[in-house]
């Protein structure tokens, strides 16, 4: 993890007079939005020991992080992929055996189905998409090492669209946010395609103005 202040040099010069605490908040908010939309912060959570008779397990989410989503094919029991259950009505509460499916209990626990029985002790692994909590005091290394540009542009957009401040600049805020959207979409493409070569067109949403051109990025 890295200090939020690590990104100050990329943001502060363009928002002169802005308090450090306000810059921290903007960087954190931009990091949260980036992680939610790009799914770039992915971690293999600490292994969970599964035993007979216990179907529900708390997820070992890292400190200062929260779960965004568990993608399909990223929950495994002793290396065997489990399928998600999207309709709780499909679960028979009396059924027991070797789990083949899972369901989420809010954003901090999983329920295995059928309920484990006759499996002894096995290991559950979960590869999760995460985002910083709003109370986080640090950022994951991937954001400051690889995606610092996106996060800093997002932070500048947040700060410059603040009204009645010496650093307010709605027009530039829109420019920063469009760039943030493009970088966020690029990161999402990277991870959707396993960081392999490809070519896709990114179409950012409108923010504070009209987008008049397409942004095309060649992934190499």
Protein backbone atom coordinates (compact mmCIF):
# COMPACT_ATOMS: atom_id res chain seq x y z
CA UNK A 1 0.00 0.00 0.00
CA UNK A 2 1.10 3.57 -0.65
CA UNK A 3 0.31 6.88 1.00
CA UNK A 4 -2.42 8.97 -0.66
CA UNK A 5 0.02 11.87 -0.52
CA UNK A 6 2.19 10.05 -3.06
CA UNK A 7 -0.05 11.49 -5.79
CA UNK A 8 -0.06 15.06 -4.45
CA UNK A 9 2.70 16.26 -6.84
CA UNK A 10 0.48 15.30 -9.80
CA UNK A 11 -2.54 17.18 -8.48
CA UNK A 12 -1.52 20.09 -6.22
CA UNK A 13 0.21 22.30 -8.85
CA UNK A 14 -3.08 22.63 -10.77
CA UNK A 15 -5.24 23.46 -7.74
CA UNK A 16 -3.17 26.13 -6.03
CA UNK A 17 -4.46 27.07 -2.61
CA UNK A 18 -6.36 23.80 -2.15
CA UNK A 19 -5.83 22.32 1.35
CA UNK A 20 -3.98 19.01 1.52
CA UNK A 21 -6.90 17.33 3.27
CA UNK A 22 -9.17 18.29 0.36
CA UNK A 23 -6.67 16.94 -2.15
CA UNK A 24 -6.47 13.69 -0.15
CA UNK A 25 -10.26 13.33 -0.28
CA UNK A 26 -10.37 13.95 -4.03
CA UNK A 27 -7.61 11.43 -4.73
CA UNK A 28 -9.38 8.83 -2.61
CA UNK A 29 -12.74 9.42 -4.28
CA UNK A 30 -11.14 9.21 -7.73
CA UNK A 31 -9.36 5.98 -6.72
CA UNK A 32 -12.64 4.46 -5.55
CA UNK A 33 -14.43 5.32 -8.79
CA UNK A 34 -11.49 4.07 -10.85
CA UNK A 35 -11.43 0.72 -9.03
CA UNK A 36 -15.19 0.25 -9.30
CA UNK A 37 -15.28 0.94 -13.04
CA UNK A 38 -11.96 -0.54 -14.16
CA UNK A 39 -11.87 -3.61 -11.85
CA UNK A 40 -8.10 -3.09 -11.88
CA UNK A 41 -7.52 -3.82 -8.18
CA UNK A 42 -7.81 -7.59 -8.01
CA UNK A 43 -6.39 -9.73 -5.25
CA UNK A 44 -6.34 -13.36 -4.29
CA UNK A 45 -7.76 -13.29 -0.80
CA UNK A 46 -6.22 -15.30 2.02
CA UNK A 47 -7.27 -18.98 1.79
CA UNK A 48 -10.38 -19.98 3.73
CA UNK A 49 -10.58 -23.37 5.45
CA UNK A 50 -13.85 -25.13 4.66
CA UNK A 51 -15.15 -27.84 6.99
CA UNK A 52 -18.14 -30.15 7.14
CA UNK A 53 -21.30 -28.60 8.50
CA UNK A 54 -20.43 -24.96 7.84
CA UNK A 55 -21.83 -23.33 4.71
CA UNK A 56 -21.20 -19.62 5.31
CA UNK A 57 -17.72 -18.07 5.38
CA UNK A 58 -16.59 -14.48 5.96
CA UNK A 59 -14.36 -13.08 3.24
CA UNK A 60 -10.91 -11.97 4.43
CA UNK A 61 -11.05 -8.53 2.81
CA UNK A 62 -7.82 -6.53 3.33
CA UNK A 63 -7.81 -3.59 5.72
CA UNK A 64 -8.93 -0.30 4.12
CA UNK A 65 -10.58 -2.20 1.24
CA UNK A 66 -14.10 -3.28 0.35
CA UNK A 67 -15.40 -5.82 -2.10
CA UNK A 68 -16.65 -4.53 -5.45
CA UNK A 69 -17.50 -7.86 -7.06
CA UNK A 70 -16.49 -11.49 -7.29
CA UNK A 71 -16.34 -12.35 -10.95
CA UNK A 72 -17.48 -15.69 -12.31
CA UNK A 73 -14.91 -18.49 -12.39
CA UNK A 74 -12.88 -16.89 -9.57
CA UNK A 75 -14.11 -18.94 -6.61
CA UNK A 76 -12.49 -22.35 -6.22
CA UNK A 77 -12.71 -25.17 -3.70
CA UNK A 78 -9.51 -27.22 -3.63
CA UNK A 79 -8.79 -25.86 -7.11
CA UNK A 80 -12.21 -26.79 -8.52
CA UNK A 81 -14.21 -23.85 -9.86
CA UNK A 82 -17.57 -23.16 -8.21
CA UNK A 83 -20.50 -21.68 -10.11
CA UNK A 84 -22.44 -18.67 -8.79
CA UNK A 85 -26.09 -18.96 -7.81
CA UNK A 86 -27.95 -15.87 -8.93
CA UNK A 87 -31.38 -16.87 -7.64
CA UNK A 88 -31.58 -17.78 -3.95
CA UNK A 89 -34.81 -19.68 -4.63
CA UNK A 90 -32.70 -22.33 -6.36
CA UNK A 91 -31.03 -23.26 -3.06
CA UNK A 92 -32.45 -26.17 -1.08
CA UNK A 93 -31.49 -25.49 2.57
CA UNK A 94 -31.49 -29.19 3.42
CA UNK A 95 -29.18 -30.27 0.63
CA UNK A 96 -25.68 -31.33 1.71
CA UNK A 97 -22.63 -32.77 -0.01
CA UNK A 98 -19.65 -31.48 -1.95
CA UNK A 99 -20.20 -27.78 -2.75
CA UNK A 100 -20.48 -27.00 -6.46
CA UNK A 101 -21.97 -23.50 -6.22
CA UNK A 102 -21.79 -20.38 -4.10
CA UNK A 103 -23.92 -17.35 -3.31
CA UNK A 104 -22.92 -14.03 -1.82
CA UNK A 105 -24.16 -12.96 1.59
CA UNK A 106 -23.95 -9.17 1.25
CA UNK A 107 -20.42 -8.03 0.37
CA UNK A 108 -18.47 -9.76 3.09
CA UNK A 109 -19.45 -13.43 3.07
CA UNK A 110 -20.07 -16.43 0.82
CA UNK A 111 -22.47 -19.32 1.23
CA UNK A 112 -21.42 -22.64 -0.27
CA UNK A 113 -24.04 -24.89 -1.84
CA UNK A 114 -24.80 -27.60 -1.12
CA UNK A 115 -23.76 -27.32 2.51
CA UNK A 116 -20.39 -29.10 2.96
CA UNK A 117 -20.76 -32.69 4.09
CA UNK A 118 -18.32 -35.58 3.80
CA UNK A 119 -15.53 -33.40 2.41
CA UNK A 120 -13.28 -33.28 5.46
CA UNK A 121 -11.17 -30.14 5.35
CA UNK A 122 -10.72 -28.23 2.08
CA UNK A 123 -9.45 -24.82 0.98
CA UNK A 124 -11.58 -22.11 -0.57
CA UNK A 125 -9.83 -19.46 -2.68
CA UNK A 126 -11.44 -16.25 -3.92
CA UNK A 127 -10.01 -13.80 -6.45
CA UNK A 128 -11.80 -10.54 -5.68
CA UNK A 129 -12.20 -7.11 -7.25
CA UNK A 130 -11.60 -4.48 -4.56
CA UNK A 131 -11.84 -0.73 -4.02
CA UNK A 132 -10.57 1.47 -1.19
CA UNK A 133 -12.98 2.28 1.61
CA UNK A 134 -13.96 5.91 1.99
CA UNK A 135 -12.08 5.80 5.30
CA UNK A 136 -8.90 4.39 3.72
CA UNK A 137 -5.60 6.05 4.58
CA UNK A 138 -3.58 4.38 1.80
CA UNK A 139 -3.95 3.22 -1.79
CA UNK A 140 -3.02 -0.15 -3.35
CA UNK A 141 0.35 -0.10 -5.05
CA UNK A 142 -1.18 -0.78 -8.47
CA UNK A 143 -2.89 2.62 -8.44
CA UNK A 144 0.26 4.62 -7.75
CA UNK A 145 2.60 2.44 -9.81
CA UNK A 146 0.49 1.78 -12.92
CA UNK A 147 -2.64 3.95 -12.86
CA UNK A 148 -1.44 7.14 -11.20
CA UNK A 149 -2.35 9.18 -14.27
CA UNK A 150 -5.99 8.12 -14.24
CA UNK A 151 -6.41 8.67 -10.52
CA UNK A 152 -4.74 12.08 -10.55
CA UNK A 153 -6.89 13.23 -13.50
CA UNK A 154 -9.99 12.08 -11.67
CA UNK A 155 -8.91 13.96 -8.56
CA UNK A 156 -8.33 17.16 -10.55
CA UNK A 157 -11.79 16.83 -12.07
CA UNK A 158 -13.35 16.54 -8.62
CA UNK A 159 -11.47 19.54 -7.28
CA UNK A 160 -11.96 21.82 -10.26
CA UNK A 161 -15.71 21.28 -10.36
CA UNK A 162 -16.02 22.46 -6.75
CA UNK A 163 -17.92 25.78 -6.84
CA UNK A 164 -16.68 29.14 -5.58
CA UNK A 165 -13.09 28.12 -4.88
CA UNK A 166 -9.88 29.80 -6.10
CA UNK A 167 -9.04 26.62 -8.02
CA UNK A 168 -12.54 26.12 -9.52
CA UNK A 169 -12.52 25.57 -13.29
CA UNK A 170 -15.59 23.69 -14.58
CA UNK A 171 -14.38 23.62 -18.18
CA UNK A 172 -11.03 22.08 -17.27
CA UNK A 173 -12.81 19.76 -14.84
CA UNK A 174 -14.73 18.32 -17.78
CA UNK A 175 -11.48 17.81 -19.72
CA UNK A 176 -9.85 16.06 -16.77
CA UNK A 177 -12.85 13.82 -16.28
CA UNK A 178 -12.98 12.79 -19.94
CA UNK A 179 -9.32 11.80 -19.72
CA UNK A 180 -10.06 9.92 -16.48
CA UNK A 181 -12.86 8.03 -18.25
CA UNK A 182 -10.62 7.07 -21.15
CA UNK A 183 -7.86 5.79 -18.85
CA UNK A 184 -10.41 3.92 -16.76
CA UNK A 185 -11.88 2.26 -19.84
CA UNK A 186 -8.40 1.33 -21.06
CA UNK A 187 -7.66 -0.34 -17.75
CA UNK A 188 -10.95 -2.25 -17.91
CA UNK A 189 -10.10 -3.44 -21.42
CA UNK A 190 -6.67 -4.55 -20.22
CA UNK A 191 -8.17 -6.77 -17.56
CA UNK A 192 -11.10 -8.05 -19.61
CA UNK A 193 -8.62 -9.27 -22.21
CA UNK A 194 -6.03 -10.58 -19.79
CA UNK A 195 -3.52 -7.82 -20.63
CA UNK A 196 -3.05 -9.28 -24.13
CA UNK A 197 -2.79 -7.52 -27.49
CA UNK A 198 -5.93 -6.16 -29.06
CA UNK A 199 -7.70 -3.07 -30.35
CA UNK A 200 -10.90 -1.55 -28.99
CA UNK A 201 -12.57 1.83 -29.20
CA UNK A 202 -13.29 3.65 -25.96
CA UNK A 203 -16.31 5.94 -25.92
CA UNK A 204 -16.34 8.09 -22.77
CA UNK A 205 -19.63 9.34 -21.34
CA UNK A 206 -20.46 13.03 -21.39
CA UNK A 207 -19.41 15.07 -18.36
CA UNK A 208 -19.96 18.81 -18.28
CA UNK A 209 -20.00 19.12 -22.06
CA UNK A 210 -20.30 17.29 -25.37
CA UNK A 211 -17.82 14.68 -26.41
CA UNK A 212 -17.12 15.31 -30.10
CA UNK A 213 -14.56 12.68 -30.83
CA UNK A 214 -13.87 9.03 -30.18
CA UNK A 215 -10.82 7.85 -28.31
CA UNK A 216 -9.20 4.75 -29.81
CA UNK A 217 -6.50 2.94 -27.98
CA UNK A 218 -4.30 0.21 -29.41
CA UNK A 219 -3.29 -2.27 -26.71
CA UNK A 220 0.19 -3.65 -27.24
